[in-house]
Amino acid sequence: MKAINPTDNRVIKEYPEHSEQEVKKIISLVQEEFRFWRQISMIQRSGLMRRAAQILRQRRDEFAGLITLEMGKIIREARAEVEKCAWVCDYYAENAEKFLKEEEVKTDASSSYVAFEPLGVILAVMPWNFPFWQVFRFAAPALMAGNAAVLKHASNVPGCALAIEEIFREAGFPANLFRTLLIKAPLVEKVIKDRHIQAVTLTGSEPAGKAVAALAGREIKKTVLELGGSDPFIVLEDADLEKCVQTAVQARMLNAGQSCIAAKRFIVAEPLLEKFEKQMTERVKSLKVGNPADESTDVGPLAREDLVDEIDRQVRDSVKAGARLLTGGKRPEGSGSFYLPTVLSDVKKGMPVYDEETFGPVAAVIPVQDEDEAVAVANDSEFGLGASIWSRNTEKAKTLAREINTGSVFINGMVKSDPRLPFGGIKKSGYGRELSHYGIKEFVNIKTVWIA
């Protein structure tokens, strides 16, 4: 298994993969650790989780550098990612006991209540685009609920995967409570079938979600899926244009556009269209593309060379179909997996940047006549992860928010995940929720106890 630096496409390090026998042994060890861990008090679990948060903050720059090296995230964003991981650890350390407190229910029994008990060993199949955050937002609630975990991380971030395992061990968690499996996709099926695996959570592409859900379904094991997105960014004619454009660029270009919840389709009311396009194009042209380790860089490389090929295909085919290229639309000269920040206008249904998820620094501007058309275009997608609405009339925006078919709607703000709020989607963006008290209850046995 190779880690490749996308800045220059050179091999960083090669890692030996776990054999099938090694995988079985690791899972058995994790299962044994679970039997002990489930008996540990919430106070003890909280102390260890707070210690994990401390380690993340103390070694922030080291972990951020690893993220930047393996997948090309600019260093400022990588540091922010590590800080956010510490936040989610602290959040569940503080709130897990309250979230999982037994709930008394009045019935014909002398006493009846609902208890929340851990399931066992959970398999996490995680992506490369937020190599620390995606893991910690699952692991913090899962471990605090009394579960154990095995991680199958993306093959291009093995260093990050092993670093996360070491963080939990260094924090004082049992040595085999959280383990990383360095395996390729073909072995995932056998991991899911392992009798010790009780459930699966996956963040990734729609094809990966379909495959894992089908495998887990045959084994009658629960899944939580957070898949792709083609988030609409709706700009109504009464929007605060300056703030709106500033956020639009950030929402599209964060992590070089490699985010499920990045704004991707910019649905703009005709009266603001010309000004919006002009201001957005100017801002996008001013972004500095380059070495992600440089503090002044705004947009780094894409994580892999094949991702550059795919985003370039989507742009070229959309232009052929009539989209108007305002800026970018090609690879820059030099080495590395870079693609220039791009803005396309006159985007219509049938173009790849309208119909497909675009995982790169490409913004698709779609003009609409009125609010009704804006909602129709927003919902005209197989995905349903997040959306944002821009209007000075908050009450009107709240009414429209109820019509948008997504897991979240942000009004006059950028869609983002927050430990305090449930996160997930509908349609082909997946099912189930992470974060908040909803997320910690995804992988517990919700048990009814009735006493005569």
Protein backbone atom coordinates (compact mmCIF):
# COMPACT_ATOMS: atom_id res chain seq x y z
CA MET A 1 0.00 0.00 0.00
CA LYS A 2 1.54 3.30 -1.12
CA ALA A 3 1.13 6.83 0.19
CA ILE A 4 1.70 9.27 -2.68
CA ASN A 5 2.23 13.01 -2.26
CA PRO A 6 -0.27 14.63 -4.68
CA THR A 7 1.81 17.82 -4.78
CA ASP A 8 4.48 16.08 -6.87
CA ASN A 9 3.05 12.53 -7.28
CA ARG A 10 6.06 10.98 -5.58
CA VAL A 11 5.81 7.97 -3.30
CA ILE A 12 6.08 8.98 0.36
CA LYS A 13 6.15 5.53 1.92
CA GLU A 14 5.01 1.97 1.28
CA TYR A 15 3.09 0.09 3.97
CA PRO A 16 2.69 -3.69 4.21
CA GLU A 17 -0.93 -4.78 3.94
CA HIS A 18 -2.59 -7.02 6.51
CA SER A 19 -3.20 -10.57 5.34
CA GLU A 20 -6.59 -12.24 5.71
CA GLN A 21 -5.29 -14.18 8.72
CA GLU A 22 -3.92 -11.04 10.33
CA VAL A 23 -7.29 -9.32 9.83
CA LYS A 24 -9.13 -12.18 11.56
CA LYS A 25 -6.72 -12.05 14.48
CA ILE A 26 -7.05 -8.27 14.85
CA ILE A 27 -10.85 -8.44 14.85
CA SER A 28 -10.76 -11.20 17.48
CA LEU A 29 -8.53 -9.05 19.66
CA VAL A 30 -10.88 -6.09 19.26
CA GLN A 31 -13.83 -8.30 20.23
CA GLU A 32 -12.03 -9.40 23.40
CA GLU A 33 -11.31 -5.78 24.25
CA PHE A 34 -14.97 -4.88 23.74
CA ARG A 35 -16.05 -7.34 26.44
CA PHE A 36 -13.90 -5.42 28.91
CA TRP A 37 -14.64 -1.94 27.58
CA ARG A 38 -18.42 -2.19 27.76
CA GLN A 39 -18.14 -2.54 31.54
CA ILE A 40 -16.05 0.60 31.94
CA SER A 41 -17.84 3.56 33.55
CA MET A 42 -18.75 6.69 31.62
CA ILE A 43 -16.47 8.69 33.89
CA GLN A 44 -13.50 6.55 32.87
CA ARG A 45 -14.42 6.69 29.19
CA SER A 46 -14.79 10.46 29.36
CA GLY A 47 -11.37 10.89 30.92
CA LEU A 48 -9.71 8.91 28.15
CA MET A 49 -11.62 10.75 25.43
CA ARG A 50 -10.57 14.11 26.90
CA ARG A 51 -7.00 12.87 26.87
CA ALA A 52 -7.35 12.04 23.14
CA ALA A 53 -8.51 15.63 22.59
CA GLN A 54 -5.43 16.91 24.44
CA ILE A 55 -3.10 14.83 22.28
CA LEU A 56 -4.76 16.13 19.13
CA ARG A 57 -4.22 19.72 20.23
CA GLN A 58 -0.68 19.16 21.51
CA ARG A 59 0.40 17.45 18.28
CA ARG A 60 -1.81 19.47 15.96
CA ASP A 61 0.93 20.67 13.65
CA GLU A 62 2.39 17.17 13.31
CA PHE A 63 -0.96 15.63 12.35
CA ALA A 64 -1.83 18.54 10.07
CA GLY A 65 1.47 18.07 8.26
CA LEU A 66 0.66 14.40 7.73
CA ILE A 67 -2.76 15.26 6.27
CA THR A 68 -1.18 17.79 3.91
CA LEU A 69 1.52 15.36 2.85
CA GLU A 70 -0.76 12.40 2.11
CA MET A 71 -3.81 14.03 0.52
CA GLY A 72 -2.81 17.60 -0.30
CA LYS A 73 -5.07 19.63 1.99
CA ILE A 74 -3.69 23.14 2.49
CA ILE A 75 -1.97 23.40 5.87
CA ARG A 76 -4.37 26.00 7.32
CA GLU A 77 -7.34 23.74 6.66
CA ALA A 78 -5.46 20.69 7.93
CA ARG A 79 -4.80 22.38 11.27
CA ALA A 80 -8.48 23.33 11.51
CA GLU A 81 -9.44 19.70 10.83
CA VAL A 82 -7.32 18.44 13.72
CA GLU A 83 -8.78 21.09 16.04
CA LYS A 84 -12.29 19.99 15.06
CA CYS A 85 -11.43 16.39 15.94
CA ALA A 86 -10.41 17.53 19.41
CA TRP A 87 -13.73 19.37 19.70
CA VAL A 88 -15.79 16.28 18.87
CA CYS A 89 -13.83 14.24 21.42
CA ASP A 90 -14.51 16.82 24.13
CA TYR A 91 -18.16 17.11 23.08
CA TYR A 92 -18.91 13.43 23.54
CA ALA A 93 -16.75 13.18 26.65
CA GLU A 94 -19.02 15.83 28.17
CA ASN A 95 -22.40 14.73 26.79
CA ALA A 96 -22.39 10.96 26.16
CA GLU A 97 -23.66 10.00 29.61
CA LYS A 98 -26.58 12.43 29.29
CA PHE A 99 -27.40 11.24 25.76
CA LEU A 100 -27.46 7.58 26.82
CA LYS A 101 -29.25 7.98 30.13
CA GLU A 102 -32.07 5.47 30.64
CA GLU A 103 -35.46 6.88 29.70
CA GLU A 104 -38.36 6.14 32.04
CA VAL A 105 -41.66 5.44 30.27
CA LYS A 106 -45.02 5.21 32.04
CA THR A 107 -46.86 2.01 31.07
CA ASP A 108 -49.01 -0.64 32.80
CA ALA A 109 -45.81 -2.00 34.38
CA SER A 110 -44.66 -1.09 37.85
CA SER A 111 -41.58 0.24 36.06
CA SER A 112 -40.52 0.40 32.43
CA TYR A 113 -37.63 2.13 30.72
CA VAL A 114 -35.50 2.28 27.60
CA ALA A 115 -31.81 1.45 27.93
CA PHE A 116 -29.06 2.19 25.39
CA GLU A 117 -26.41 -0.53 25.23
CA PRO A 118 -23.39 -0.97 22.93
CA LEU A 119 -23.61 -3.28 19.93
CA GLY A 120 -20.02 -4.50 19.81
CA VAL A 121 -17.35 -4.15 17.12
CA ILE A 122 -18.22 -1.57 14.45
CA LEU A 123 -16.48 -1.47 11.07
CA ALA A 124 -15.78 2.04 9.79
CA VAL A 125 -14.99 2.44 6.06
CA MET A 126 -13.70 5.98 5.72
CA PRO A 127 -12.60 8.34 2.89
CA TRP A 128 -9.46 10.35 2.30
CA ASN A 129 -10.85 13.88 1.92
CA PHE A 130 -11.06 14.58 5.67
CA PRO A 131 -8.79 11.77 6.84
CA PHE A 132 -8.92 12.65 10.55
CA TRP A 133 -12.35 14.29 10.93
CA GLN A 134 -14.35 11.57 9.19
CA VAL A 135 -12.87 8.98 11.54
CA PHE A 136 -13.17 10.93 14.79
CA ARG A 137 -16.76 11.99 14.20
CA PHE A 138 -17.60 8.27 14.12
CA ALA A 139 -15.12 7.03 16.70
CA ALA A 140 -15.79 9.52 19.51
CA PRO A 141 -19.51 8.67 19.91
CA ALA A 142 -19.05 4.97 19.10
CA LEU A 143 -16.37 4.44 21.74
CA MET A 144 -18.16 6.58 24.32
CA ALA A 145 -21.25 4.39 23.80
CA GLY A 146 -19.16 1.36 24.78
CA ASN A 147 -18.45 -0.04 21.32
CA ALA A 148 -15.13 -1.10 19.82
CA ALA A 149 -14.01 -0.28 16.28
CA VAL A 150 -11.96 -1.41 13.32
CA LEU A 151 -11.07 1.12 10.65
CA LYS A 152 -10.68 0.44 6.94
CA HIS A 153 -9.37 3.80 5.78
CA ALA A 154 -8.79 4.97 2.21
CA SER A 155 -5.70 3.37 0.70
CA ASN A 156 -4.01 6.70 -0.04
CA VAL A 157 -3.90 7.84 3.63
CA PRO A 158 -2.37 4.88 5.51
CA GLY A 159 -0.18 7.15 7.63
CA CYS A 160 -3.22 9.03 8.89
CA ALA A 161 -5.02 5.76 9.65
CA LEU A 162 -2.16 4.45 11.76
CA ALA A 163 -1.69 7.81 13.49
CA ILE A 164 -5.34 7.79 14.63
CA GLU A 165 -4.93 4.27 16.07
CA GLU A 166 -1.88 5.48 17.96
CA ILE A 167 -3.71 8.54 19.35
CA PHE A 168 -6.29 6.34 21.07
CA ARG A 169 -3.58 4.04 22.40
CA GLU A 170 -1.49 6.95 23.67
CA ALA A 171 -4.57 8.43 25.35
CA GLY A 172 -4.86 5.27 27.47
CA PHE A 173 -7.65 3.43 25.67
CA PRO A 174 -7.25 -0.38 25.70
CA ALA A 175 -4.63 -1.30 23.14
CA ASN A 176 -6.96 -3.21 20.83
CA LEU A 177 -10.16 -1.22 21.26
CA PHE A 178 -9.59 0.75 18.04
CA ARG A 179 -7.54 -0.89 15.31
CA THR A 180 -6.65 0.03 11.75
CA LEU A 181 -6.83 -2.58 9.01
CA LEU A 182 -4.46 -1.90 6.12
CA ILE A 183 -6.46 -3.70 3.46
CA LYS A 184 -7.79 -3.11 -0.04
CA ALA A 185 -11.46 -3.16 -1.02
CA PRO A 186 -11.70 -6.90 -1.90
CA LEU A 187 -11.08 -7.89 1.75
CA VAL A 188 -13.87 -5.66 3.06
CA GLU A 189 -16.48 -8.29 2.22
CA LYS A 190 -14.80 -10.83 4.49
CA VAL A 191 -14.53 -8.25 7.28
CA ILE A 192 -18.26 -7.51 7.04
CA LYS A 193 -19.01 -11.24 7.17
CA ASP A 194 -16.88 -11.75 10.28
CA ARG A 195 -19.18 -12.84 13.12
CA HIS A 196 -17.69 -10.26 15.49
CA ILE A 197 -18.62 -7.29 13.29
CA GLN A 198 -22.02 -5.99 14.39
CA ALA A 199 -22.52 -2.95 12.14
CA VAL A 200 -20.87 -0.86 9.44
CA THR A 201 -20.55 2.87 8.89
CA LEU A 202 -19.31 4.19 5.57
CA THR A 203 -18.53 7.65 4.28
CA GLY A 204 -17.68 7.66 0.60
CA SER A 205 -18.99 7.41 -2.93
CA GLU A 206 -22.40 6.19 -4.03
CA PRO A 207 -20.95 2.98 -5.63
CA ALA A 208 -19.04 2.17 -2.43
CA GLY A 209 -22.18 2.77 -0.38
CA LYS A 210 -24.24 0.46 -2.58
CA ALA A 211 -21.65 -2.30 -2.35
CA VAL A 212 -21.21 -2.11 1.42
CA ALA A 213 -24.94 -1.79 2.11
CA ALA A 214 -25.65 -4.85 -0.05
CA LEU A 215 -23.00 -6.92 1.73
CA ALA A 216 -24.13 -5.83 5.18
CA GLY A 217 -27.77 -6.36 4.25
CA ARG A 218 -27.11 -9.98 3.34
CA GLU A 219 -25.53 -10.41 6.77
CA ILE A 220 -28.40 -8.50 8.46
CA LYS A 221 -26.03 -5.93 9.92
CA LYS A 222 -26.95 -2.30 10.37
CA THR A 223 -25.35 0.37 8.22
CA VAL A 224 -25.03 4.13 8.30
CA LEU A 225 -24.11 5.70 4.96
CA GLU A 226 -22.90 9.24 4.26
CA LEU A 227 -22.40 9.39 0.51
CA GLY A 228 -22.05 12.00 -2.19
CA GLY A 229 -23.67 15.37 -2.56
CA SER A 230 -24.44 18.00 -5.15
CA ASP A 231 -25.40 20.75 -2.76
CA PRO A 232 -27.44 23.68 -4.07
CA PHE A 233 -26.43 27.22 -3.08
CA ILE A 234 -29.54 29.31 -3.72
CA VAL A 235 -29.07 33.06 -4.23
CA LEU A 236 -32.35 34.97 -4.15
CA GLU A 237 -32.63 38.48 -5.56
CA ASP A 238 -32.66 40.08 -2.09
CA ALA A 239 -29.43 38.36 -0.95
CA ASP A 240 -26.54 40.27 0.62
CA LEU A 241 -24.39 39.88 -2.48
CA GLU A 242 -20.96 40.68 -1.02
CA LYS A 243 -21.29 38.26 1.89
CA CYS A 244 -22.96 35.72 -0.35
CA VAL A 245 -20.16 35.69 -2.96
CA GLN A 246 -17.44 35.57 -0.31
CA THR A 247 -19.06 32.51 1.27
CA ALA A 248 -19.80 30.95 -2.12
CA VAL A 249 -16.12 30.87 -3.04
CA GLN A 250 -15.16 29.43 0.33
CA ALA A 251 -17.96 26.86 0.21
CA ARG A 252 -16.87 25.64 -3.23
CA MET A 253 -13.08 25.84 -2.98
CA LEU A 254 -12.55 24.51 0.57
CA ASN A 255 -10.35 21.41 0.44
CA ALA A 256 -9.91 22.04 -3.31
CA GLY A 257 -13.62 21.32 -3.72
CA GLN A 258 -13.23 17.76 -2.40
CA SER A 259 -16.11 17.68 0.05
CA CYS A 260 -19.49 15.96 0.00
CA ILE A 261 -21.12 19.05 1.52
CA ALA A 262 -19.32 21.61 -0.62
CA ALA A 263 -21.63 23.97 -2.48
CA LYS A 264 -21.60 22.71 -6.05
CA ARG A 265 -24.63 24.11 -7.90
CA PHE A 266 -25.03 27.88 -7.58
CA ILE A 267 -28.66 28.63 -8.35
CA VAL A 268 -28.89 32.37 -8.90
CA ALA A 269 -31.92 34.61 -9.47
CA GLU A 270 -31.68 36.44 -12.81
CA PRO A 271 -31.65 40.00 -11.35
CA LEU A 272 -28.41 39.18 -9.46
CA LEU A 273 -26.86 36.86 -12.01
CA GLU A 274 -24.49 39.23 -13.81
CA LYS A 275 -23.14 40.79 -10.61
CA PHE A 276 -22.81 37.40 -8.91
CA GLU A 277 -20.88 35.88 -11.80
CA LYS A 278 -18.59 38.89 -12.11
CA GLN A 279 -17.73 39.04 -8.39
CA MET A 280 -17.36 35.28 -8.02
CA THR A 281 -15.11 35.02 -11.06
CA GLU A 282 -12.89 37.84 -9.78
CA ARG A 283 -12.53 36.18 -6.39
CA VAL A 284 -11.83 32.76 -7.88
CA LYS A 285 -9.17 34.20 -10.21
CA SER A 286 -7.41 35.74 -7.19
CA LEU A 287 -6.98 32.39 -5.41
CA LYS A 288 -3.42 31.16 -5.15
CA VAL A 289 -2.93 27.59 -6.38
CA GLY A 290 0.19 25.81 -5.25
CA ASN A 291 2.10 23.91 -2.58
CA PRO A 292 -0.38 23.05 0.20
CA ALA A 293 2.38 23.30 2.81
CA ASP A 294 2.79 27.00 1.98
CA GLU A 295 0.79 29.19 4.38
CA SER A 296 -0.23 31.54 1.57
CA THR A 297 -1.74 28.84 -0.67
CA ASP A 298 -5.53 28.92 -1.11
CA VAL A 299 -6.07 25.82 -3.26
CA GLY A 300 -3.87 22.75 -3.21
CA PRO A 301 -3.81 19.67 -5.43
CA LEU A 302 -6.53 17.09 -5.75
CA ALA A 303 -5.77 13.95 -3.78
CA ARG A 304 -5.11 11.68 -6.78
CA GLU A 305 -4.34 12.02 -10.47
CA ASP A 306 -7.48 10.12 -11.51
CA LEU A 307 -9.59 12.74 -9.73
CA VAL A 308 -8.05 15.42 -11.96
CA ASP A 309 -8.94 13.36 -15.02
CA GLU A 310 -12.54 13.02 -13.85
CA ILE A 311 -13.15 16.69 -13.02
CA ASP A 312 -11.52 17.71 -16.32
CA ARG A 313 -13.88 15.37 -18.21
CA GLN A 314 -16.91 16.86 -16.47
CA VAL A 315 -15.83 20.40 -17.33
CA ARG A 316 -14.92 19.68 -20.95
CA ASP A 317 -18.14 17.76 -21.62
CA SER A 318 -20.22 20.52 -20.00
CA VAL A 319 -18.56 23.19 -22.16
CA LYS A 320 -19.20 21.08 -25.25
CA ALA A 321 -22.86 20.94 -24.20
CA GLY A 322 -23.07 24.75 -24.02
CA ALA A 323 -21.75 25.82 -20.62
CA ARG A 324 -19.79 29.07 -20.65
CA LEU A 325 -16.30 28.97 -19.12
CA LEU A 326 -15.66 32.09 -17.02
CA THR A 327 -12.29 31.06 -15.59
CA GLY A 328 -10.08 27.99 -15.13
CA GLY A 329 -11.13 24.82 -16.88
CA LYS A 330 -7.73 23.17 -17.22
CA ARG A 331 -4.69 21.78 -15.48
CA PRO A 332 -1.90 24.26 -14.71
CA GLU A 333 1.58 23.62 -16.01
CA GLY A 334 3.98 21.63 -13.88
CA SER A 335 3.86 18.44 -11.82
CA GLY A 336 1.28 17.38 -9.27
CA SER A 337 -2.45 16.64 -9.30
CA PHE A 338 -3.63 20.23 -9.68
CA TYR A 339 -6.68 21.68 -11.41
CA LEU A 340 -7.33 25.40 -11.78
CA PRO A 341 -10.29 26.83 -9.82
CA THR A 342 -13.12 26.97 -12.34
CA VAL A 343 -16.42 28.80 -12.80
CA LEU A 344 -18.96 27.68 -15.40
CA SER A 345 -22.08 29.64 -16.29
CA ASP A 346 -25.23 28.89 -18.33
CA VAL A 347 -25.29 25.42 -16.79
CA LYS A 348 -28.33 23.31 -17.66
CA LYS A 349 -29.76 19.89 -17.00
CA GLY A 350 -27.99 17.24 -19.05
CA MET A 351 -24.52 18.66 -18.42
CA PRO A 352 -22.18 16.64 -16.16
CA VAL A 353 -21.66 19.57 -13.76
CA TYR A 354 -25.45 19.74 -13.30
CA ASP A 355 -26.26 16.04 -13.11
CA GLU A 356 -23.18 14.55 -11.42
CA GLU A 357 -21.28 15.19 -8.22
CA THR A 358 -18.23 17.33 -9.00
CA PHE A 359 -15.39 16.53 -6.60
CA GLY A 360 -12.97 19.33 -7.34
CA PRO A 361 -12.66 23.13 -7.56
CA VAL A 362 -15.46 23.68 -10.08
CA ALA A 363 -18.49 25.93 -9.53
CA ALA A 364 -21.58 25.53 -11.75
CA VAL A 365 -23.80 28.63 -11.99
CA ILE A 366 -27.43 27.95 -12.92
CA PRO A 367 -29.70 30.94 -13.65
CA VAL A 368 -33.35 30.81 -12.52
CA GLN A 369 -36.31 33.16 -12.92
CA ASP A 370 -37.88 32.99 -9.46
CA GLU A 371 -38.03 31.18 -6.10
CA ASP A 372 -40.22 28.37 -7.40
CA GLU A 373 -37.73 27.54 -10.12
CA ALA A 374 -34.87 27.78 -7.62
CA VAL A 375 -36.49 25.16 -5.39
CA ALA A 376 -37.28 22.94 -8.39
CA VAL A 377 -33.65 23.06 -9.58
CA ALA A 378 -32.33 22.49 -6.05
CA ASN A 379 -34.44 19.34 -5.74
CA ASP A 380 -33.60 18.16 -9.26
CA SER A 381 -30.80 15.93 -8.06
CA GLU A 382 -30.29 12.32 -7.03
CA PHE A 383 -28.46 13.63 -3.96
CA GLY A 384 -29.84 15.23 -0.82
CA LEU A 385 -27.07 16.08 1.62
CA GLY A 386 -27.04 19.83 2.30
CA ALA A 387 -28.24 23.15 0.90
CA SER A 388 -27.91 26.84 1.61
CA ILE A 389 -30.33 29.70 0.93
CA TRP A 390 -29.33 33.36 0.71
CA SER A 391 -31.94 36.04 1.38
CA ARG A 392 -32.35 39.08 3.61
CA ASN A 393 -35.88 37.83 4.35
CA THR A 394 -35.21 35.10 6.91
CA GLU A 395 -38.85 34.09 7.27
CA LYS A 396 -39.14 33.56 3.52
CA ALA A 397 -35.93 31.54 3.55
CA LYS A 398 -37.24 29.37 6.41
CA THR A 399 -40.37 28.63 4.40
CA LEU A 400 -38.29 27.65 1.37
CA ALA A 401 -36.01 25.52 3.56
CA ARG A 402 -38.94 23.20 4.28
CA GLU A 403 -39.29 22.59 0.54
CA ILE A 404 -35.65 21.59 -0.02
CA ASN A 405 -35.12 17.81 0.06
CA THR A 406 -31.83 17.56 1.95
CA GLY A 407 -30.53 16.49 5.34
CA SER A 408 -29.66 20.06 6.27
CA VAL A 409 -30.35 23.62 5.12
CA PHE A 410 -28.20 26.58 6.13
CA ILE A 411 -29.70 30.05 5.74
CA ASN A 412 -27.17 32.81 4.96
CA GLY A 413 -24.29 30.53 5.88
CA MET A 414 -22.06 27.77 4.57
CA VAL A 415 -23.10 24.15 5.07
CA LYS A 416 -20.79 22.50 7.60
CA SER A 417 -20.80 19.69 10.13
CA ASP A 418 -21.03 20.53 13.83
CA PRO A 419 -20.84 18.01 16.73
CA ARG A 420 -23.99 19.58 18.22
CA LEU A 421 -26.15 19.02 15.13
CA PRO A 422 -27.14 15.79 13.34
CA PHE A 423 -25.37 15.24 10.04
CA GLY A 424 -26.44 13.08 7.11
CA GLY A 425 -28.52 12.99 3.97
CA ILE A 426 -31.43 11.48 2.08
CA LYS A 427 -31.89 10.02 -1.40
CA LYS A 428 -28.55 8.84 -2.83
CA SER A 429 -26.64 10.84 -0.22
CA GLY A 430 -27.28 7.97 2.18
CA TYR A 431 -29.16 7.34 5.42
CA GLY A 432 -28.64 7.48 9.16
CA ARG A 433 -27.11 10.32 11.11
CA GLU A 434 -23.77 11.17 12.66
CA LEU A 435 -23.05 13.66 15.45
CA SER A 436 -25.43 15.14 18.05
CA HIS A 437 -27.37 12.77 20.32
CA TYR A 438 -28.81 11.18 17.17
CA GLY A 439 -25.39 9.99 16.05
CA ILE A 440 -24.42 8.25 19.29
CA LYS A 441 -27.67 6.28 19.20
CA GLU A 442 -27.06 4.83 15.73
CA PHE A 443 -24.84 2.06 17.10
CA VAL A 444 -26.57 1.06 20.31
CA ASN A 445 -29.18 -1.52 21.17
CA ILE A 446 -32.28 0.47 22.11
CA LYS A 447 -33.59 -1.96 24.68
CA THR A 448 -37.00 -1.96 26.35
CA VAL A 449 -37.09 -3.18 29.97
CA TRP A 450 -40.54 -3.89 31.50
CA ILE A 451 -41.00 -4.86 35.16
CA ALA A 452 -44.26 -6.33 36.48
